[in-house]
């Protein structure tokens, strides 16, 4: 899958049933050696389109459950569930 195919998809947390953002408003953590995506970095706090530095949610690639035509469904375990 190409990055252009991921761009614009809504990211939804399956457990909390809440929208986290839209890919394109997120950053990707990419392995420098393999080029594989390791995590999505989603800004967690926005104010008039600006994000506070350091305020983000890191979603490891293994927690992405489904990539559909319009959404990316993630399932991140709670800290108590680990």
N, C-alpha and C. Protein backbone atom coordinates (compact mmCIF):
# COMPACT_ATOMS: atom_id res chain seq x y z
N UNK A 1 0.85 -1.17 0.00
CA UNK A 1 0.00 0.00 0.00
C UNK A 1 0.89 1.24 0.00
N UNK A 2 0.53 2.21 -0.75
CA UNK A 2 1.29 3.45 -0.84
C UNK A 2 0.76 4.49 0.14
N UNK A 3 1.65 5.40 0.51
CA UNK A 3 1.26 6.46 1.44
C UNK A 3 0.10 7.28 0.88
N UNK A 4 0.08 7.50 -0.42
CA UNK A 4 -1.01 8.27 -1.02
C UNK A 4 -2.36 7.58 -0.84
N UNK A 5 -2.36 6.25 -0.72
CA UNK A 5 -3.60 5.51 -0.50
C UNK A 5 -4.07 5.61 0.95
N UNK A 6 -3.14 5.86 1.87
CA UNK A 6 -3.49 6.02 3.29
C UNK A 6 -3.97 7.43 3.61
N UNK A 7 -3.46 8.39 2.89
CA UNK A 7 -3.74 9.80 3.17
C UNK A 7 -5.23 10.10 3.09
N UNK A 8 -5.73 10.84 4.06
CA UNK A 8 -7.12 11.27 4.08
C UNK A 8 -8.06 10.31 4.79
N UNK A 9 -7.56 9.16 5.22
CA UNK A 9 -8.42 8.21 5.92
C UNK A 9 -8.59 8.62 7.38
N UNK A 10 -9.78 8.42 7.89
CA UNK A 10 -10.09 8.73 9.28
C UNK A 10 -9.55 7.62 10.17
N UNK A 11 -8.92 7.99 11.29
CA UNK A 11 -8.38 7.02 12.23
C UNK A 11 -9.35 6.91 13.40
N UNK A 12 -9.81 5.67 13.67
CA UNK A 12 -10.82 5.44 14.70
C UNK A 12 -10.30 4.40 15.68
N UNK A 13 -10.43 4.70 16.98
CA UNK A 13 -10.07 3.77 18.05
C UNK A 13 -11.27 2.87 18.31
N UNK A 14 -11.09 1.56 18.09
CA UNK A 14 -12.20 0.60 18.23
C UNK A 14 -12.70 0.49 19.66
N UNK A 15 -11.80 0.51 20.64
CA UNK A 15 -12.22 0.35 22.04
C UNK A 15 -12.98 1.56 22.55
N UNK A 16 -12.48 2.74 22.25
CA UNK A 16 -13.12 3.96 22.76
C UNK A 16 -14.20 4.48 21.82
N UNK A 17 -14.27 3.91 20.64
CA UNK A 17 -15.24 4.36 19.62
C UNK A 17 -15.15 5.86 19.41
N UNK A 18 -13.91 6.34 19.23
CA UNK A 18 -13.74 7.77 19.00
C UNK A 18 -12.78 8.02 17.86
N UNK A 19 -13.01 9.12 17.20
CA UNK A 19 -12.19 9.56 16.08
C UNK A 19 -10.92 10.21 16.63
N UNK A 20 -9.76 9.78 16.13
CA UNK A 20 -8.49 10.33 16.60
C UNK A 20 -7.91 11.36 15.66
N UNK A 21 -8.31 11.31 14.42
CA UNK A 21 -7.77 12.26 13.46
C UNK A 21 -7.87 11.69 12.06
N UNK A 22 -7.29 12.41 11.14
CA UNK A 22 -7.27 12.00 9.74
C UNK A 22 -5.83 11.87 9.32
N UNK A 23 -5.51 10.75 8.68
CA UNK A 23 -4.15 10.57 8.21
C UNK A 23 -3.85 11.65 7.20
N UNK A 24 -2.80 12.32 7.40
CA UNK A 24 -2.46 13.53 6.66
C UNK A 24 -2.26 14.63 7.68
N UNK A 25 -2.98 14.50 8.82
CA UNK A 25 -2.76 15.37 9.97
C UNK A 25 -1.84 14.65 10.96
N UNK A 26 -1.33 13.50 10.54
CA UNK A 26 -0.48 12.71 11.41
C UNK A 26 0.91 12.62 10.83
N UNK A 27 1.83 12.18 11.64
CA UNK A 27 3.18 11.89 11.19
C UNK A 27 3.37 10.38 11.23
N UNK A 28 4.30 9.89 10.46
CA UNK A 28 4.61 8.48 10.45
C UNK A 28 6.00 8.27 11.03
N UNK A 29 6.16 7.21 11.79
CA UNK A 29 7.47 6.80 12.27
C UNK A 29 7.92 5.67 11.34
N UNK A 30 9.01 5.91 10.61
CA UNK A 30 9.45 4.96 9.60
C UNK A 30 10.83 4.43 9.96
N UNK A 31 11.03 3.12 9.82
CA UNK A 31 12.32 2.50 10.05
C UNK A 31 13.27 2.96 8.94
N UNK A 32 14.37 3.56 9.32
CA UNK A 32 15.31 4.10 8.34
C UNK A 32 15.95 3.03 7.47
N UNK A 33 16.08 1.83 7.99
CA UNK A 33 16.78 0.76 7.27
C UNK A 33 15.86 -0.02 6.34
N UNK A 34 14.63 -0.27 6.78
CA UNK A 34 13.72 -1.09 5.98
C UNK A 34 12.69 -0.27 5.21
N UNK A 35 12.44 0.96 5.66
CA UNK A 35 11.42 1.79 5.02
C UNK A 35 10.02 1.45 5.45
N UNK A 36 9.85 0.54 6.41
CA UNK A 36 8.53 0.13 6.88
C UNK A 36 7.99 1.12 7.90
N UNK A 37 6.68 1.33 7.88
CA UNK A 37 6.03 2.17 8.87
C UNK A 37 6.02 1.42 10.19
N UNK A 38 6.49 2.06 11.25
CA UNK A 38 6.49 1.44 12.57
C UNK A 38 5.35 1.95 13.44
N UNK A 39 4.94 3.21 13.24
CA UNK A 39 3.88 3.77 14.08
C UNK A 39 3.28 5.00 13.42
N UNK A 40 2.04 5.28 13.81
CA UNK A 40 1.39 6.54 13.46
C UNK A 40 1.54 7.46 14.66
N UNK A 41 1.88 8.71 14.45
CA UNK A 41 1.98 9.71 15.52
C UNK A 41 0.86 10.71 15.29
N UNK A 42 -0.15 10.65 16.14
CA UNK A 42 -1.37 11.44 15.95
C UNK A 42 -1.39 12.58 16.96
N UNK A 43 -1.49 13.83 16.50
CA UNK A 43 -1.59 14.95 17.45
C UNK A 43 -2.81 14.78 18.33
N UNK A 44 -2.65 14.94 19.65
CA UNK A 44 -3.79 14.73 20.55
C UNK A 44 -4.43 16.03 20.99
N UNK A 45 -3.77 17.14 20.80
CA UNK A 45 -4.34 18.42 21.23
C UNK A 45 -4.18 19.44 20.12
N UNK A 46 -5.30 19.99 19.68
CA UNK A 46 -5.27 21.00 18.63
C UNK A 46 -6.02 22.23 19.09
N UNK A 47 -5.57 23.36 18.62
CA UNK A 47 -6.23 24.61 18.94
C UNK A 47 -6.15 25.48 17.70
N UNK A 48 -7.25 25.67 17.03
CA UNK A 48 -7.33 26.42 15.79
C UNK A 48 -6.33 25.93 14.75
N UNK A 49 -6.21 24.61 14.65
CA UNK A 49 -5.36 24.02 13.63
C UNK A 49 -3.89 23.90 14.02
N UNK A 50 -3.52 24.44 15.17
CA UNK A 50 -2.14 24.33 15.62
C UNK A 50 -2.05 23.23 16.65
N UNK A 51 -0.95 22.52 16.65
CA UNK A 51 -0.81 21.48 17.67
C UNK A 51 0.31 21.84 18.62
N UNK A 52 0.10 21.48 19.86
CA UNK A 52 1.12 21.72 20.87
C UNK A 52 2.23 20.69 20.68
N UNK A 53 3.44 21.14 20.79
CA UNK A 53 4.57 20.26 20.61
C UNK A 53 4.62 19.22 21.72
N UNK A 54 4.89 17.97 21.35
CA UNK A 54 5.00 16.91 22.33
C UNK A 54 3.69 16.26 22.71
N UNK A 55 2.58 16.78 22.26
CA UNK A 55 1.27 16.22 22.58
C UNK A 55 0.83 15.35 21.41
N UNK A 56 1.11 14.04 21.51
CA UNK A 56 0.72 13.14 20.43
C UNK A 56 0.46 11.74 20.98
N UNK A 57 -0.27 10.99 20.18
CA UNK A 57 -0.56 9.60 20.50
C UNK A 57 0.27 8.76 19.54
N UNK A 58 1.05 7.83 20.08
CA UNK A 58 1.86 6.93 19.23
C UNK A 58 1.12 5.61 19.12
N UNK A 59 0.78 5.24 17.89
CA UNK A 59 0.06 3.99 17.64
C UNK A 59 0.99 3.06 16.85
N UNK A 60 1.54 2.03 17.51
CA UNK A 60 2.39 1.07 16.80
C UNK A 60 1.61 0.38 15.67
N UNK A 61 2.30 0.08 14.60
CA UNK A 61 1.67 -0.52 13.42
C UNK A 61 0.93 -1.81 13.77
N UNK A 62 1.41 -2.58 14.74
CA UNK A 62 0.77 -3.85 15.09
C UNK A 62 -0.63 -3.66 15.68
N UNK A 63 -0.96 -2.43 16.11
CA UNK A 63 -2.29 -2.16 16.67
C UNK A 63 -3.30 -1.70 15.62
N UNK A 64 -2.87 -1.62 14.38
CA UNK A 64 -3.80 -1.28 13.30
C UNK A 64 -4.50 -2.58 12.91
N UNK A 65 -5.81 -2.60 13.06
CA UNK A 65 -6.58 -3.82 12.83
C UNK A 65 -7.14 -3.91 11.42
N UNK A 66 -7.54 -2.78 10.85
CA UNK A 66 -8.18 -2.81 9.53
C UNK A 66 -7.98 -1.48 8.84
N UNK A 67 -7.62 -1.54 7.57
CA UNK A 67 -7.54 -0.34 6.74
C UNK A 67 -8.61 -0.49 5.67
N UNK A 68 -9.65 0.34 5.79
CA UNK A 68 -10.75 0.29 4.84
C UNK A 68 -10.63 1.40 3.81
N UNK A 69 -11.66 1.57 3.03
CA UNK A 69 -11.64 2.57 1.97
C UNK A 69 -11.70 3.99 2.53
N UNK A 70 -12.28 4.16 3.74
CA UNK A 70 -12.42 5.50 4.32
C UNK A 70 -11.82 5.62 5.71
N UNK A 71 -11.56 4.47 6.38
CA UNK A 71 -11.11 4.51 7.78
C UNK A 71 -9.96 3.56 8.03
N UNK A 72 -9.23 3.88 9.09
CA UNK A 72 -8.22 2.99 9.65
C UNK A 72 -8.69 2.70 11.08
N UNK A 73 -8.95 1.42 11.37
CA UNK A 73 -9.42 1.02 12.70
C UNK A 73 -8.22 0.55 13.50
N UNK A 74 -8.05 1.13 14.69
CA UNK A 74 -6.96 0.73 15.56
C UNK A 74 -7.52 0.16 16.85
N UNK A 75 -6.73 -0.69 17.49
CA UNK A 75 -7.12 -1.30 18.76
C UNK A 75 -5.89 -1.26 19.66
N UNK A 76 -5.79 -0.22 20.45
CA UNK A 76 -4.64 -0.03 21.33
C UNK A 76 -5.03 -0.49 22.72
N UNK A 77 -4.27 -1.45 23.30
CA UNK A 77 -4.62 -1.91 24.64
C UNK A 77 -4.42 -0.82 25.67
N UNK A 78 -5.31 -0.81 26.65
CA UNK A 78 -5.16 0.13 27.77
C UNK A 78 -3.92 -0.29 28.55
N UNK A 79 -3.31 0.62 29.27
CA UNK A 79 -2.11 0.28 30.06
C UNK A 79 -2.40 -0.83 31.06
N UNK A 80 -3.62 -0.87 31.59
CA UNK A 80 -3.99 -1.90 32.56
C UNK A 80 -4.23 -3.26 31.91
N UNK A 81 -4.48 -3.27 30.58
CA UNK A 81 -4.77 -4.50 29.85
C UNK A 81 -3.50 -5.26 29.46
N UNK A 82 -2.36 -4.64 29.56
CA UNK A 82 -1.12 -5.25 29.08
C UNK A 82 -0.60 -6.29 30.02
